């Protein structure tokens, strides 16, 4: 067996199942899960219609770099969204969802023969970053978050020696779980570090289309172009239809950026077997070519968060994120920062599932930045999410009363 497999930590939802072992939920209340970030809004019909119309699509092997029409649709979306012209033949590559692509990019760019290879990640973070680093033979390094800035990453805590050994940097903007968006000056800082030390920046942007401000989140390619980096040197952006189009089961997204990285990634994926089904490609073309369903989806989330956030905010420290579909709430003082106890008791008493924040982070610099927080995935319809929020409010009030 690959000995690196032993370095992998249990996935957050595996830990959640273990945490809930022996808990008997309140059977008088229907179960509501806010634990997993799996979109529950209806998938637009145009995706299924396009897939159904794909002629003889299962009779041939698909090309790893996808149909030209799909790459053009992706490039056209980048043009509409970010006002950027990218080459669909050299700067775009379809992928089977960002999860597998975020993992595979580490296998493509990490040179494990160099001693001390590092991969820098935000903290809290999406656990694929850590697993990808470990299985590529590198060591993950976790940059701490600043709670006072909506858990924006504090890159200054990574020292010069660590940056010198860094081969890959994972960035998530809008962030998971707190939803912070990186401003242009932060991108400038990271681009300068990349130029100095030569590491690749992998920008995870799967939440880019669910936002609550008037201005859409700044994308990495957009930031690079604004700073005169039109070749996107050492930068690759990852985006997906899972959240944007409520199609997590489609497993479809694309990467875009530095042509030399795309070329190397295509080579790796050709051997890996990362080609996308032609039927999925046809559905993806339809999705990337339509914005009406995205606008409607975004408004549905805005309405939902407007209804739910004030209910939670009456009893917990929480604020509307810049983007994404999570609330990142602090557990009440009566729980003494124990997010796992909060999650267990909430399930037992009110049959609501939430994810402890400590499961989404690692201890670094003497602290787990997710501890004392819970992540609420507001992915179901508004009525169900509001019911969950009201149960959480009642739960906290009862706990405060019992502690008084």
Protein backbone atom coordinates (compact mmCIF):
# COMPACT_ATOMS: atom_id res chain seq x y z
CA UNK A 1 0.00 0.00 0.00
CA UNK A 2 1.04 3.59 -0.58
CA UNK A 3 2.39 4.59 2.85
CA UNK A 4 1.26 8.18 2.28
CA UNK A 5 -2.34 7.01 2.70
CA UNK A 6 -1.69 6.62 6.41
CA UNK A 7 -1.16 10.40 6.67
CA UNK A 8 -4.71 11.19 5.59
CA UNK A 9 -7.08 12.34 8.33
CA UNK A 10 -10.73 11.26 8.47
CA UNK A 11 -12.97 13.41 6.30
CA UNK A 12 -15.17 15.91 8.22
CA UNK A 13 -18.38 14.00 7.55
CA UNK A 14 -16.78 10.74 8.67
CA UNK A 15 -15.85 12.51 11.90
CA UNK A 16 -19.39 13.83 12.14
CA UNK A 17 -20.83 10.32 11.95
CA UNK A 18 -18.48 9.22 14.71
CA UNK A 19 -19.40 12.26 16.80
CA UNK A 20 -23.10 11.42 16.51
CA UNK A 21 -22.64 7.75 17.35
CA UNK A 22 -25.01 6.97 20.20
CA UNK A 23 -26.96 10.23 19.89
CA UNK A 24 -30.72 9.68 19.73
CA UNK A 25 -32.33 12.58 17.83
CA UNK A 26 -35.64 14.00 19.02
CA UNK A 27 -38.14 11.80 17.18
CA UNK A 28 -40.91 14.37 17.64
CA UNK A 29 -39.18 16.68 15.16
CA UNK A 30 -38.40 15.96 11.51
CA UNK A 31 -34.67 15.80 10.75
CA UNK A 32 -33.09 18.85 9.13
CA UNK A 33 -29.50 18.77 7.93
CA UNK A 34 -27.40 21.92 7.58
CA UNK A 35 -24.23 19.87 7.68
CA UNK A 36 -23.27 19.20 4.06
CA UNK A 37 -22.75 21.87 1.40
CA UNK A 38 -24.79 20.04 -1.23
CA UNK A 39 -27.13 22.35 -3.16
CA UNK A 40 -30.80 21.38 -2.88
CA UNK A 41 -32.33 23.98 -5.21
CA UNK A 42 -33.78 22.51 -8.42
CA UNK A 43 -31.30 21.78 -11.19
CA UNK A 44 -32.30 23.84 -14.27
CA UNK A 45 -34.20 21.77 -16.82
CA UNK A 46 -32.04 23.03 -19.67
CA UNK A 47 -29.14 20.86 -18.46
CA UNK A 48 -31.11 17.60 -18.64
CA UNK A 49 -32.68 18.61 -21.94
CA UNK A 50 -29.28 19.21 -23.50
CA UNK A 51 -27.98 15.89 -22.21
CA UNK A 52 -30.98 14.01 -23.58
CA UNK A 53 -30.42 15.50 -27.03
CA UNK A 54 -26.77 14.43 -27.27
CA UNK A 55 -26.67 12.07 -30.29
CA UNK A 56 -24.77 8.77 -29.99
CA UNK A 57 -22.69 10.30 -27.24
CA UNK A 58 -21.89 7.02 -25.50
CA UNK A 59 -20.54 5.33 -28.61
CA UNK A 60 -17.15 7.06 -28.62
CA UNK A 61 -14.37 7.83 -26.17
CA UNK A 62 -14.35 11.50 -25.17
CA UNK A 63 -11.21 13.61 -25.55
CA UNK A 64 -9.54 14.65 -22.31
CA UNK A 65 -9.53 18.31 -23.35
CA UNK A 66 -13.25 18.20 -24.09
CA UNK A 67 -15.34 19.30 -27.02
CA UNK A 68 -14.22 22.54 -28.67
CA UNK A 69 -17.76 23.85 -28.14
CA UNK A 70 -17.47 23.29 -24.38
CA UNK A 71 -14.13 25.08 -24.14
CA UNK A 72 -15.61 27.97 -26.12
CA UNK A 73 -18.65 28.08 -23.80
CA UNK A 74 -16.32 28.23 -20.79
CA UNK A 75 -14.21 30.98 -22.35
CA UNK A 76 -17.35 32.92 -23.26
CA UNK A 77 -18.52 32.70 -19.66
CA UNK A 78 -15.17 34.07 -18.45
CA UNK A 79 -15.61 36.92 -20.94
CA UNK A 80 -19.11 37.76 -19.67
CA UNK A 81 -18.26 37.32 -15.99
CA UNK A 82 -14.80 38.88 -15.80
CA UNK A 83 -14.47 40.84 -19.07
CA UNK A 84 -11.44 38.76 -20.02
CA UNK A 85 -10.47 37.17 -23.30
CA UNK A 86 -8.87 33.75 -22.84
CA UNK A 87 -7.88 31.21 -25.48
CA UNK A 88 -10.25 28.21 -25.37
CA UNK A 89 -7.58 26.02 -26.97
CA UNK A 90 -4.69 26.74 -24.60
CA UNK A 91 -6.08 28.35 -21.45
CA UNK A 92 -9.19 26.27 -20.68
CA UNK A 93 -9.59 22.63 -19.66
CA UNK A 94 -12.87 20.93 -18.64
CA UNK A 95 -12.73 18.88 -15.43
CA UNK A 96 -15.05 16.49 -13.62
CA UNK A 97 -15.90 18.94 -10.87
CA UNK A 98 -13.43 21.06 -8.93
CA UNK A 99 -12.91 18.49 -6.18
CA UNK A 100 -11.01 16.02 -8.35
CA UNK A 101 -9.23 18.81 -10.20
CA UNK A 102 -8.04 20.49 -7.00
CA UNK A 103 -6.63 17.13 -5.95
CA UNK A 104 -5.05 16.37 -9.32
CA UNK A 105 -3.28 19.72 -9.72
CA UNK A 106 -1.03 18.87 -6.77
CA UNK A 107 -0.05 15.59 -8.43
CA UNK A 108 0.79 17.61 -11.55
CA UNK A 109 2.94 20.39 -10.11
CA UNK A 110 4.57 18.98 -6.95
CA UNK A 111 8.16 17.80 -7.31
CA UNK A 112 8.50 15.51 -4.30
CA UNK A 113 12.14 14.78 -5.14
CA UNK A 114 12.97 18.20 -3.73
CA UNK A 115 13.37 17.89 0.02
CA UNK A 116 10.99 19.93 2.15
CA UNK A 117 8.33 20.54 -0.52
CA UNK A 118 5.46 22.53 1.00
CA UNK A 119 1.86 23.27 0.06
CA UNK A 120 0.34 26.31 1.75
CA UNK A 121 -3.39 26.21 2.57
CA UNK A 122 -5.85 28.51 4.33
CA UNK A 123 -7.13 27.42 7.73
CA UNK A 124 -10.08 26.60 8.04
CA UNK A 125 -9.96 24.91 4.66
CA UNK A 126 -11.42 22.38 2.22
CA UNK A 127 -9.80 19.10 3.23
CA UNK A 128 -8.98 18.08 -0.34
CA UNK A 129 -6.08 20.58 -0.23
CA UNK A 130 -4.43 18.74 2.62
CA UNK A 131 -4.98 15.29 1.15
CA UNK A 132 -3.67 16.36 -2.24
CA UNK A 133 -0.51 17.74 -0.67
CA UNK A 134 0.15 14.63 1.40
CA UNK A 135 -0.41 12.16 -1.45
CA UNK A 136 1.85 14.23 -3.70
CA UNK A 137 4.63 13.80 -1.15
CA UNK A 138 4.55 17.37 0.15
CA UNK A 139 3.84 18.79 3.59
CA UNK A 140 0.79 21.04 4.09
CA UNK A 141 1.34 24.31 5.93
CA UNK A 142 -1.72 26.10 7.31
CA UNK A 143 -1.95 29.88 7.23
CA UNK A 144 -4.07 31.19 10.11
CA UNK A 145 -7.28 33.16 9.76
CA UNK A 146 -8.15 36.52 11.26
CA UNK A 147 -11.51 36.30 13.02
CA UNK A 148 -11.68 40.10 13.17
CA UNK A 149 -11.64 40.18 9.34
CA UNK A 150 -14.30 37.54 8.71
CA UNK A 151 -11.67 34.81 8.83
CA UNK A 152 -9.62 36.27 5.99
CA UNK A 153 -6.26 34.49 5.74
CA UNK A 154 -3.21 36.03 7.40
CA UNK A 155 -0.50 35.12 4.88
CA UNK A 156 2.12 37.10 6.83
CA UNK A 157 2.45 34.21 9.29
CA UNK A 158 4.16 32.11 6.62
CA UNK A 159 7.87 32.90 6.95
CA UNK A 160 10.40 33.43 4.16
CA UNK A 161 11.93 29.97 4.53
CA UNK A 162 8.50 28.36 4.18
CA UNK A 163 7.64 30.44 1.13
CA UNK A 164 10.99 29.45 -0.42
CA UNK A 165 10.02 25.77 -0.12
CA UNK A 166 6.43 26.26 -1.25
CA UNK A 167 5.53 24.63 -4.56
CA UNK A 168 1.76 25.12 -4.47
CA UNK A 169 -0.58 27.57 -2.77
CA UNK A 170 -4.29 26.83 -2.44
CA UNK A 171 -6.53 29.88 -2.26
CA UNK A 172 -10.29 29.80 -1.71
CA UNK A 173 -12.17 32.99 -2.53
CA UNK A 174 -15.04 33.26 -1.70
CA UNK A 175 -13.90 31.23 1.26
CA UNK A 176 -15.27 28.05 2.78
CA UNK A 177 -16.59 28.29 5.49
CA UNK A 178 -16.67 32.03 6.29
CA UNK A 179 -17.33 33.38 2.80
CA UNK A 180 -14.63 36.09 2.76
CA UNK A 181 -13.57 37.47 -0.64
CA UNK A 182 -9.94 38.37 -1.29
CA UNK A 183 -9.36 42.02 -2.32
CA UNK A 184 -6.98 43.11 -5.07
CA UNK A 185 -4.14 44.11 -2.72
CA UNK A 186 -4.11 40.59 -1.25
CA UNK A 187 -3.83 39.09 -4.71
CA UNK A 188 -0.93 41.47 -5.40
CA UNK A 189 0.82 40.16 -2.29
CA UNK A 190 0.40 36.54 -3.39
CA UNK A 191 1.44 37.21 -6.99
CA UNK A 192 4.60 38.94 -5.76
CA UNK A 193 5.40 35.95 -3.57
CA UNK A 194 4.75 33.56 -6.46
CA UNK A 195 7.06 35.55 -8.72
CA UNK A 196 9.78 35.53 -6.08
CA UNK A 197 9.58 31.86 -5.13
CA UNK A 198 8.09 30.23 -8.25
CA UNK A 199 5.12 28.43 -6.70
CA UNK A 200 1.80 27.77 -8.44
CA UNK A 201 -1.41 29.40 -7.17
CA UNK A 202 -4.52 27.20 -7.39
CA UNK A 203 -7.56 29.40 -6.87
CA UNK A 204 -10.73 27.58 -5.77
CA UNK A 205 -13.66 29.77 -6.87
CA UNK A 206 -16.61 27.37 -6.77
CA UNK A 207 -18.76 29.80 -4.70
CA UNK A 208 -18.18 32.81 -6.96
CA UNK A 209 -21.76 33.09 -8.21
CA UNK A 210 -23.58 33.07 -4.85
CA UNK A 211 -22.95 36.51 -3.38
CA UNK A 212 -24.80 39.09 -1.31
CA UNK A 213 -23.13 42.39 -2.21
CA UNK A 214 -23.94 44.54 -5.22
CA UNK A 215 -20.58 43.81 -6.82
CA UNK A 216 -19.68 40.21 -7.71
CA UNK A 217 -16.59 38.71 -6.08
CA UNK A 218 -13.22 39.47 -7.62
CA UNK A 219 -11.81 36.45 -9.44
CA UNK A 220 -8.15 35.47 -9.55
CA UNK A 221 -7.84 35.85 -13.33
CA UNK A 222 -9.61 39.19 -13.09
CA UNK A 223 -7.18 40.31 -10.37
CA UNK A 224 -4.19 39.16 -12.41
CA UNK A 225 -5.35 41.07 -15.49
CA UNK A 226 -5.99 44.21 -13.42
CA UNK A 227 -2.39 44.00 -12.25
CA UNK A 228 -1.02 43.58 -15.77
CA UNK A 229 -0.47 39.82 -15.51
CA UNK A 230 -2.29 38.91 -18.71
CA UNK A 231 -0.31 35.69 -19.16
CA UNK A 232 -1.65 34.47 -15.76
CA UNK A 233 1.83 33.23 -14.89
CA UNK A 234 1.70 30.32 -12.40
CA UNK A 235 -2.03 30.89 -11.82
CA UNK A 236 -4.85 28.42 -12.42
CA UNK A 237 -8.49 29.08 -11.45
CA UNK A 238 -11.05 26.37 -10.66
CA UNK A 239 -14.78 26.84 -11.09
CA UNK A 240 -17.77 24.52 -11.12
CA UNK A 241 -21.42 24.09 -12.03
CA UNK A 242 -22.23 22.39 -8.71
CA UNK A 243 -23.10 25.56 -6.78
CA UNK A 244 -23.65 27.98 -9.67
CA UNK A 245 -26.20 25.76 -11.41
CA UNK A 246 -27.33 23.44 -8.58
CA UNK A 247 -25.83 20.47 -10.39
CA UNK A 248 -23.47 18.69 -7.96
CA UNK A 249 -24.28 15.31 -9.51
CA UNK A 250 -23.18 16.50 -12.94
CA UNK A 251 -19.54 16.62 -11.74
CA UNK A 252 -18.61 19.35 -14.17
CA UNK A 253 -16.36 22.37 -14.04
CA UNK A 254 -13.32 23.81 -15.75
CA UNK A 255 -9.91 25.26 -15.01
CA UNK A 256 -8.44 28.30 -16.72
CA UNK A 257 -5.23 30.28 -16.57
CA UNK A 258 -1.55 29.89 -17.38
CA UNK A 259 -1.24 28.03 -20.71
CA UNK A 260 1.88 26.13 -19.61
CA UNK A 261 0.04 24.84 -16.52
CA UNK A 262 -2.99 23.87 -18.62
CA UNK A 263 -0.70 21.96 -21.01
CA UNK A 264 0.93 20.04 -18.15
CA UNK A 265 -2.43 19.40 -16.49
CA UNK A 266 -3.84 18.05 -19.76
CA UNK A 267 -0.89 15.65 -20.02
CA UNK A 268 -1.43 14.42 -16.47
CA UNK A 269 -5.18 14.03 -16.95
CA UNK A 270 -4.70 12.14 -20.23
CA UNK A 271 -2.93 9.42 -18.27
CA UNK A 272 -5.22 9.72 -15.25
CA UNK A 273 -8.33 9.17 -17.40
CA UNK A 274 -9.98 12.48 -16.56
CA UNK A 275 -12.16 12.83 -19.68
CA UNK A 276 -15.71 14.12 -19.26
CA UNK A 277 -18.68 12.19 -20.62
CA UNK A 278 -20.00 13.71 -23.88
CA UNK A 279 -23.51 13.83 -22.37
CA UNK A 280 -22.19 15.80 -19.41
CA UNK A 281 -20.34 18.08 -21.80
CA UNK A 282 -23.54 18.88 -23.66
CA UNK A 283 -25.35 19.67 -20.42
CA UNK A 284 -22.40 21.80 -19.35
CA UNK A 285 -22.45 23.82 -22.56
CA UNK A 286 -26.10 24.63 -21.92
CA UNK A 287 -25.40 25.62 -18.32
CA UNK A 288 -22.37 27.83 -19.01
CA UNK A 289 -24.27 29.54 -21.82
CA UNK A 290 -27.23 30.60 -19.67
CA UNK A 291 -27.25 33.22 -16.90
CA UNK A 292 -30.98 33.51 -16.20
CA UNK A 293 -31.04 30.46 -13.92
CA UNK A 294 -27.93 31.74 -12.10
CA UNK A 295 -29.52 35.11 -11.39
CA UNK A 296 -32.66 33.40 -10.08
CA UNK A 297 -30.62 31.03 -7.94
CA UNK A 298 -28.60 33.87 -6.45
CA UNK A 299 -31.77 35.78 -5.58
CA UNK A 300 -33.21 32.69 -3.91
CA UNK A 301 -30.13 32.51 -1.67
CA UNK A 302 -30.31 36.22 -0.93
CA UNK A 303 -33.94 35.91 0.13
CA UNK A 304 -33.14 32.86 2.24
CA UNK A 305 -30.18 34.43 4.03
CA UNK A 306 -32.21 37.60 4.65
CA UNK A 307 -34.83 35.49 6.42
CA UNK A 308 -32.53 33.11 8.31
CA UNK A 309 -29.54 35.22 9.39
CA UNK A 310 -31.46 37.56 11.75
CA UNK A 311 -33.01 34.57 13.53
CA UNK A 312 -29.61 33.00 14.21
CA UNK A 313 -28.08 36.40 15.04
CA UNK A 314 -30.48 36.84 17.97
CA UNK A 315 -28.68 34.09 19.89
CA UNK A 316 -25.27 33.61 18.21
CA UNK A 317 -22.45 35.75 16.87
CA UNK A 318 -22.93 35.47 13.11
CA UNK A 319 -22.88 37.78 10.11
CA UNK A 320 -23.88 37.70 6.47
CA UNK A 321 -20.92 36.44 4.42
CA UNK A 322 -19.55 38.19 1.35
CA UNK A 323 -20.47 35.10 -0.67
CA UNK A 324 -21.07 31.30 -0.55
CA UNK A 325 -24.05 29.56 1.07
CA UNK A 326 -22.72 29.08 4.60
CA UNK A 327 -23.23 30.83 7.91
CA UNK A 328 -20.18 30.62 10.19
CA UNK A 329 -21.59 31.05 13.68
CA UNK A 330 -19.89 31.19 17.07
CA UNK A 331 -21.27 28.87 19.72
CA UNK A 332 -22.68 30.58 22.85
CA UNK A 333 -20.43 31.13 25.85
CA UNK A 334 -22.43 28.58 27.85
CA UNK A 335 -20.73 25.88 25.72
CA UNK A 336 -17.24 27.19 26.56
CA UNK A 337 -16.16 26.98 22.92
CA UNK A 338 -17.09 23.30 22.55
CA UNK A 339 -18.51 23.19 19.02
CA UNK A 340 -18.71 19.39 19.06
CA UNK A 341 -20.84 19.34 22.22
CA UNK A 342 -23.08 22.01 20.67
CA UNK A 343 -23.60 19.86 17.55
CA UNK A 344 -24.36 16.70 19.55
CA UNK A 345 -26.86 18.40 21.86
CA UNK A 346 -28.57 20.24 19.01
CA UNK A 347 -29.11 16.95 17.18
CA UNK A 348 -30.36 15.19 20.30
CA UNK A 349 -32.77 17.90 21.38
CA UNK A 350 -33.91 19.49 18.10
CA UNK A 351 -32.93 17.02 15.33
CA UNK A 352 -30.85 19.59 13.42
CA UNK A 353 -27.45 18.62 12.01
CA UNK A 354 -24.64 21.20 11.83
CA UNK A 355 -20.91 20.76 11.23
CA UNK A 356 -18.48 21.62 14.04
CA UNK A 357 -16.01 24.24 12.86
CA UNK A 358 -13.08 22.40 14.41
CA UNK A 359 -13.61 19.63 11.83
CA UNK A 360 -12.81 22.12 9.07
CA UNK A 361 -9.45 23.27 10.44
CA UNK A 362 -6.17 22.04 11.87
CA UNK A 363 -4.37 23.22 14.95
CA UNK A 364 -1.63 25.62 13.90
CA UNK A 365 0.23 28.28 15.86
CA UNK A 366 -1.28 26.76 18.99
CA UNK A 367 -4.93 27.12 18.02
CA UNK A 368 -7.61 25.47 15.90
CA UNK A 369 -9.27 28.50 14.23
CA UNK A 370 -12.49 26.59 13.62
CA UNK A 371 -12.99 25.64 17.26
CA UNK A 372 -15.98 27.28 18.89
CA UNK A 373 -17.74 27.76 15.54
CA UNK A 374 -20.30 25.81 13.57
CA UNK A 375 -20.93 25.82 9.84
CA UNK A 376 -24.54 26.04 8.69
CA UNK A 377 -25.08 25.06 5.05
CA UNK A 378 -28.26 26.87 3.99
CA UNK A 379 -28.76 24.71 0.93
CA UNK A 380 -32.35 23.53 1.41
CA UNK A 381 -35.42 25.61 0.60
CA UNK A 382 -36.13 28.68 2.73
CA UNK A 383 -38.96 27.12 4.74
CA UNK A 384 -36.78 24.24 5.94
CA UNK A 385 -33.77 26.48 6.68
CA UNK A 386 -35.95 28.91 8.60
CA UNK A 387 -37.42 26.06 10.63
CA UNK A 388 -33.89 24.92 11.46
CA UNK A 389 -32.91 28.47 12.48
CA UNK A 390 -35.91 28.74 14.79
CA UNK A 391 -35.01 25.41 16.41
CA UNK A 392 -31.41 26.59 16.90
CA UNK A 393 -32.69 29.79 18.48
CA UNK A 394 -34.92 27.84 20.87
CA UNK A 395 -32.08 25.45 21.68
CA UNK A 396 -29.67 28.26 22.57
CA UNK A 397 -32.24 30.12 24.64
CA UNK A 398 -33.02 26.97 26.61
CA UNK A 399 -29.31 26.32 27.18
CA UNK A 400 -28.75 29.87 28.39
CA UNK A 401 -31.74 29.56 30.73
CA UNK A 402 -30.47 26.26 32.09
CA UNK A 403 -27.01 27.72 32.71
CA UNK A 404 -28.37 30.78 34.54
